[in-house]
Amino acid sequence: MTDLLDDASGAGLSLPCRVNDPDLWFADTPADLEVAKGLCAGCPVLAECLAGALTRREPWGVWGGEIFERGVVIAKKRPRGRPRKTDTVATPVATRTEEAAA
C-alpha cells in the first residue's frame, strides 16, 4: 500500500490523504470522517486503497472512501454517547378509558 501511494505521489498525482491532515482519516467525529470520505471521492487510487484495506482488514479509519470500524466497512459512524430516544406521542387518558370500555 505504501508503495502504491509513493508511486502515485512520485508520478505527480495529488492524493488527498497525503496533502491534507492525516488525522482527518482517523477522526473521532462522524462529520470529520464524512469530510475525509468526500476528499477520497476524487482520488486516483481509490479502488486500490479500498481493496488493500479490505485485504488487510484495517481496524479503523477512512480507506478508499469508506469508513472502517473493527475491520468492517460501515455506512456511518455514530456519534459518541447514547442515541437519542425517539419522541413518542402519549395517548390521552380519556382515549384509553374509552377504548377499554368498548
N, C-alpha and C. Protein backbone atom coordinates (compact mmCIF):
# COMPACT_ATOMS: atom_id res chain seq x y z
N MET A 1 0.83 -1.19 0.00
CA MET A 1 0.00 0.00 0.00
C MET A 1 0.87 1.24 0.00
N THR A 2 1.88 1.26 0.84
CA THR A 2 2.77 2.41 0.91
C THR A 2 3.46 2.62 -0.44
N ASP A 3 3.85 1.52 -1.10
CA ASP A 3 4.48 1.63 -2.41
C ASP A 3 3.53 2.28 -3.42
N LEU A 4 2.27 1.88 -3.38
CA LEU A 4 1.27 2.45 -4.28
C LEU A 4 1.15 3.95 -4.07
N LEU A 5 1.05 4.36 -2.81
CA LEU A 5 0.93 5.78 -2.50
C LEU A 5 2.18 6.55 -2.90
N ASP A 6 3.35 5.97 -2.65
CA ASP A 6 4.60 6.62 -3.03
C ASP A 6 4.71 6.75 -4.54
N ASP A 7 4.34 5.69 -5.27
CA ASP A 7 4.39 5.73 -6.73
C ASP A 7 3.44 6.79 -7.29
N ALA A 8 2.24 6.86 -6.73
CA ALA A 8 1.26 7.84 -7.19
C ALA A 8 1.73 9.26 -6.90
N SER A 9 2.28 9.47 -5.71
CA SER A 9 2.80 10.80 -5.37
C SER A 9 3.99 11.15 -6.26
N GLY A 10 4.85 10.17 -6.51
CA GLY A 10 6.02 10.39 -7.36
C GLY A 10 5.64 10.71 -8.80
N ALA A 11 4.50 10.21 -9.24
CA ALA A 11 4.03 10.46 -10.60
C ALA A 11 3.32 11.80 -10.71
N GLY A 12 3.31 12.56 -9.63
CA GLY A 12 2.68 13.87 -9.65
C GLY A 12 1.19 13.87 -9.38
N LEU A 13 0.65 12.73 -8.98
CA LEU A 13 -0.77 12.66 -8.65
C LEU A 13 -1.00 13.22 -7.26
N SER A 14 -2.04 14.00 -7.12
CA SER A 14 -2.37 14.59 -5.82
C SER A 14 -3.28 13.63 -5.05
N LEU A 15 -2.77 13.11 -3.95
CA LEU A 15 -3.54 12.19 -3.12
C LEU A 15 -4.05 12.95 -1.90
N PRO A 16 -5.37 12.96 -1.69
CA PRO A 16 -5.93 13.73 -0.57
C PRO A 16 -5.34 13.37 0.79
N CYS A 17 -5.05 12.09 1.01
CA CYS A 17 -4.53 11.67 2.31
C CYS A 17 -3.07 12.10 2.50
N ARG A 18 -2.42 12.51 1.43
CA ARG A 18 -1.03 12.96 1.52
C ARG A 18 -0.91 14.48 1.60
N VAL A 19 -1.93 15.20 1.11
CA VAL A 19 -1.84 16.67 1.10
C VAL A 19 -2.69 17.32 2.19
N ASN A 20 -3.60 16.58 2.80
CA ASN A 20 -4.44 17.09 3.89
C ASN A 20 -3.97 16.50 5.21
N ASP A 21 -4.56 16.98 6.29
CA ASP A 21 -4.21 16.50 7.63
C ASP A 21 -4.53 15.00 7.74
N PRO A 22 -3.53 14.16 7.96
CA PRO A 22 -3.79 12.71 8.03
C PRO A 22 -4.72 12.32 9.17
N ASP A 23 -4.78 13.12 10.22
CA ASP A 23 -5.66 12.80 11.35
C ASP A 23 -7.13 12.82 10.94
N LEU A 24 -7.45 13.53 9.87
CA LEU A 24 -8.83 13.60 9.40
C LEU A 24 -9.36 12.21 9.04
N TRP A 25 -8.50 11.34 8.54
CA TRP A 25 -8.91 9.99 8.13
C TRP A 25 -9.08 9.05 9.31
N PHE A 26 -8.71 9.52 10.50
CA PHE A 26 -8.85 8.70 11.71
C PHE A 26 -9.54 9.50 12.81
N ALA A 27 -10.41 10.42 12.41
CA ALA A 27 -11.08 11.32 13.35
C ALA A 27 -12.11 10.57 14.20
N ASP A 28 -12.46 11.19 15.32
CA ASP A 28 -13.47 10.62 16.21
C ASP A 28 -14.88 11.06 15.83
N THR A 29 -14.99 12.22 15.20
CA THR A 29 -16.33 12.75 14.91
C THR A 29 -16.84 12.28 13.56
N PRO A 30 -18.11 11.92 13.49
CA PRO A 30 -18.70 11.49 12.22
C PRO A 30 -18.57 12.55 11.13
N ALA A 31 -18.69 13.83 11.49
CA ALA A 31 -18.61 14.90 10.50
C ALA A 31 -17.24 14.93 9.84
N ASP A 32 -16.18 14.79 10.63
CA ASP A 32 -14.82 14.79 10.07
C ASP A 32 -14.60 13.58 9.17
N LEU A 33 -15.13 12.44 9.55
CA LEU A 33 -14.98 11.25 8.72
C LEU A 33 -15.71 11.41 7.39
N GLU A 34 -16.85 12.08 7.41
CA GLU A 34 -17.58 12.34 6.16
C GLU A 34 -16.79 13.28 5.26
N VAL A 35 -16.07 14.25 5.86
CA VAL A 35 -15.21 15.14 5.08
C VAL A 35 -14.11 14.31 4.41
N ALA A 36 -13.50 13.42 5.17
CA ALA A 36 -12.44 12.56 4.62
C ALA A 36 -12.98 11.71 3.47
N LYS A 37 -14.17 11.14 3.64
CA LYS A 37 -14.78 10.35 2.58
C LYS A 37 -14.97 11.19 1.32
N GLY A 38 -15.41 12.42 1.51
CA GLY A 38 -15.61 13.32 0.38
C GLY A 38 -14.31 13.63 -0.35
N LEU A 39 -13.24 13.81 0.41
CA LEU A 39 -11.94 14.08 -0.20
C LEU A 39 -11.44 12.86 -0.98
N CYS A 40 -11.78 11.68 -0.51
CA CYS A 40 -11.36 10.45 -1.20
C CYS A 40 -12.05 10.30 -2.56
N ALA A 41 -13.21 10.90 -2.72
CA ALA A 41 -14.02 10.68 -3.92
C ALA A 41 -13.25 10.92 -5.22
N GLY A 42 -12.38 11.89 -5.25
CA GLY A 42 -11.64 12.18 -6.47
C GLY A 42 -10.25 11.59 -6.51
N CYS A 43 -9.93 10.70 -5.60
CA CYS A 43 -8.58 10.15 -5.50
C CYS A 43 -8.31 9.16 -6.64
N PRO A 44 -7.14 9.28 -7.29
CA PRO A 44 -6.84 8.37 -8.41
C PRO A 44 -6.54 6.93 -7.99
N VAL A 45 -6.31 6.67 -6.71
CA VAL A 45 -6.03 5.30 -6.26
C VAL A 45 -7.12 4.79 -5.32
N LEU A 46 -8.32 5.34 -5.44
CA LEU A 46 -9.43 5.00 -4.55
C LEU A 46 -9.71 3.49 -4.53
N ALA A 47 -9.86 2.87 -5.69
CA ALA A 47 -10.20 1.45 -5.75
C ALA A 47 -9.10 0.58 -5.15
N GLU A 48 -7.85 0.91 -5.46
CA GLU A 48 -6.73 0.13 -4.93
C GLU A 48 -6.62 0.29 -3.42
N CYS A 49 -6.88 1.50 -2.94
CA CYS A 49 -6.83 1.77 -1.50
C CYS A 49 -7.89 0.95 -0.77
N LEU A 50 -9.11 0.95 -1.30
CA LEU A 50 -10.20 0.19 -0.68
C LEU A 50 -9.90 -1.31 -0.71
N ALA A 51 -9.43 -1.81 -1.84
CA ALA A 51 -9.12 -3.24 -1.95
C ALA A 51 -8.04 -3.64 -0.95
N GLY A 52 -7.02 -2.81 -0.82
CA GLY A 52 -5.95 -3.10 0.14
C GLY A 52 -6.45 -3.10 1.57
N ALA A 53 -7.30 -2.13 1.90
CA ALA A 53 -7.83 -2.04 3.26
C ALA A 53 -8.70 -3.25 3.59
N LEU A 54 -9.49 -3.70 2.62
CA LEU A 54 -10.32 -4.89 2.84
C LEU A 54 -9.45 -6.13 3.04
N THR A 55 -8.39 -6.24 2.25
CA THR A 55 -7.48 -7.38 2.38
C THR A 55 -6.80 -7.39 3.74
N ARG A 56 -6.37 -6.20 4.18
CA ARG A 56 -5.66 -6.08 5.46
C ARG A 56 -6.61 -6.05 6.66
N ARG A 57 -7.91 -5.93 6.39
CA ARG A 57 -8.92 -5.77 7.45
C ARG A 57 -8.51 -4.63 8.38
N GLU A 58 -8.33 -3.45 7.78
CA GLU A 58 -7.94 -2.27 8.54
C GLU A 58 -8.89 -2.10 9.73
N PRO A 59 -8.36 -1.88 10.92
CA PRO A 59 -9.22 -1.82 12.10
C PRO A 59 -10.09 -0.57 12.18
N TRP A 60 -9.62 0.55 11.62
CA TRP A 60 -10.44 1.76 11.69
C TRP A 60 -9.88 2.82 10.77
N GLY A 61 -10.70 3.84 10.51
CA GLY A 61 -10.30 4.95 9.67
C GLY A 61 -11.04 4.94 8.35
N VAL A 62 -10.73 5.93 7.52
CA VAL A 62 -11.31 6.03 6.18
C VAL A 62 -10.27 5.52 5.19
N TRP A 63 -10.66 4.53 4.43
CA TRP A 63 -9.79 3.91 3.43
C TRP A 63 -10.60 3.75 2.15
N GLY A 64 -10.09 4.25 1.05
CA GLY A 64 -10.79 4.09 -0.22
C GLY A 64 -12.18 4.69 -0.21
N GLY A 65 -12.37 5.75 0.55
CA GLY A 65 -13.66 6.42 0.60
C GLY A 65 -14.71 5.74 1.46
N GLU A 66 -14.31 4.77 2.25
CA GLU A 66 -15.24 4.06 3.13
C GLU A 66 -14.74 4.12 4.57
N ILE A 67 -15.68 4.09 5.51
CA ILE A 67 -15.33 4.11 6.93
C ILE A 67 -15.18 2.67 7.42
N PHE A 68 -14.05 2.39 8.03
CA PHE A 68 -13.79 1.07 8.61
C PHE A 68 -13.88 1.16 10.12
N GLU A 69 -14.53 0.19 10.71
CA GLU A 69 -14.58 0.06 12.16
C GLU A 69 -14.47 -1.42 12.49
N ARG A 70 -13.47 -1.76 13.27
CA ARG A 70 -13.20 -3.16 13.63
C ARG A 70 -13.03 -4.05 12.41
N GLY A 71 -12.40 -3.51 11.37
CA GLY A 71 -12.10 -4.29 10.17
C GLY A 71 -13.24 -4.47 9.20
N VAL A 72 -14.37 -3.79 9.44
CA VAL A 72 -15.54 -3.93 8.60
C VAL A 72 -15.97 -2.54 8.10
N VAL A 73 -16.44 -2.47 6.86
CA VAL A 73 -16.95 -1.22 6.31
C VAL A 73 -18.31 -0.93 6.94
N ILE A 74 -18.47 0.31 7.40
CA ILE A 74 -19.76 0.74 7.95
C ILE A 74 -20.24 1.95 7.16
N ALA A 75 -21.55 2.14 7.09
CA ALA A 75 -22.10 3.25 6.32
C ALA A 75 -21.82 4.59 6.97
N LYS A 76 -22.01 4.67 8.26
CA LYS A 76 -21.82 5.92 9.00
C LYS A 76 -21.31 5.60 10.38
N LYS A 77 -20.56 6.53 10.92
CA LYS A 77 -20.12 6.38 12.30
C LYS A 77 -21.11 7.11 13.18
N ARG A 78 -21.53 6.46 14.23
CA ARG A 78 -22.43 7.11 15.18
C ARG A 78 -21.64 8.03 16.08
N PRO A 79 -22.25 9.13 16.51
CA PRO A 79 -21.56 10.00 17.47
C PRO A 79 -21.42 9.30 18.81
N ARG A 80 -20.54 9.82 19.63
CA ARG A 80 -20.33 9.23 20.96
C ARG A 80 -21.56 9.41 21.82
N GLY A 81 -21.73 8.52 22.78
CA GLY A 81 -22.86 8.61 23.71
C GLY A 81 -24.03 7.76 23.26
N ARG A 82 -25.07 7.85 24.04
CA ARG A 82 -26.27 7.07 23.75
C ARG A 82 -27.07 7.74 22.65
N PRO A 83 -27.75 6.95 21.83
CA PRO A 83 -28.62 7.55 20.81
C PRO A 83 -29.81 8.22 21.47
N ARG A 84 -30.32 9.23 20.82
CA ARG A 84 -31.49 9.93 21.36
C ARG A 84 -32.70 9.03 21.30
N LYS A 85 -33.55 9.17 22.31
CA LYS A 85 -34.80 8.43 22.30
C LYS A 85 -35.74 9.11 21.32
N THR A 86 -36.53 8.31 20.62
CA THR A 86 -37.49 8.89 19.70
C THR A 86 -38.64 9.47 20.50
N ASP A 87 -39.14 10.58 20.02
CA ASP A 87 -40.27 11.20 20.70
C ASP A 87 -41.53 10.40 20.40
N THR A 88 -42.23 10.04 21.44
CA THR A 88 -43.49 9.33 21.26
C THR A 88 -44.62 10.22 21.75
N VAL A 89 -45.73 10.11 21.08
CA VAL A 89 -46.90 10.90 21.46
C VAL A 89 -47.69 10.09 22.47
N ALA A 90 -47.92 10.67 23.63
CA ALA A 90 -48.68 9.98 24.67
C ALA A 90 -50.16 9.98 24.30
N THR A 91 -50.81 8.85 24.54
CA THR A 91 -52.24 8.76 24.31
C THR A 91 -52.96 9.33 25.53
N PRO A 92 -53.86 10.29 25.31
CA PRO A 92 -54.57 10.87 26.45
C PRO A 92 -55.32 9.80 27.24
N VAL A 93 -55.43 10.01 28.54
CA VAL A 93 -56.09 9.05 29.43
C VAL A 93 -57.53 8.83 29.02
N ALA A 94 -58.24 9.87 28.62
CA ALA A 94 -59.65 9.74 28.25
C ALA A 94 -59.80 8.77 27.07
N THR A 95 -58.92 8.83 26.11
CA THR A 95 -59.00 7.95 24.94
C THR A 95 -58.77 6.50 25.35
N ARG A 96 -57.79 6.25 26.23
CA ARG A 96 -57.51 4.88 26.67
C ARG A 96 -58.70 4.32 27.44
N THR A 97 -59.36 5.14 28.25
CA THR A 97 -60.51 4.69 29.03
C THR A 97 -61.66 4.34 28.10
N GLU A 98 -61.88 5.16 27.08
CA GLU A 98 -62.96 4.89 26.13
C GLU A 98 -62.70 3.59 25.36
N GLU A 99 -61.42 3.35 24.97
CA GLU A 99 -61.08 2.13 24.24
C GLU A 99 -61.28 0.90 25.12
N ALA A 100 -60.97 1.00 26.40
CA ALA A 100 -61.11 -0.13 27.31
C ALA A 100 -62.58 -0.47 27.52
N ALA A 101 -63.44 0.54 27.51
CA ALA A 101 -64.87 0.32 27.73
C ALA A 101 -65.52 -0.31 26.50
N ALA A 102 -64.94 -0.15 25.34
CA ALA A 102 -65.57 -0.63 24.10
C ALA A 102 -65.46 -2.11 23.91
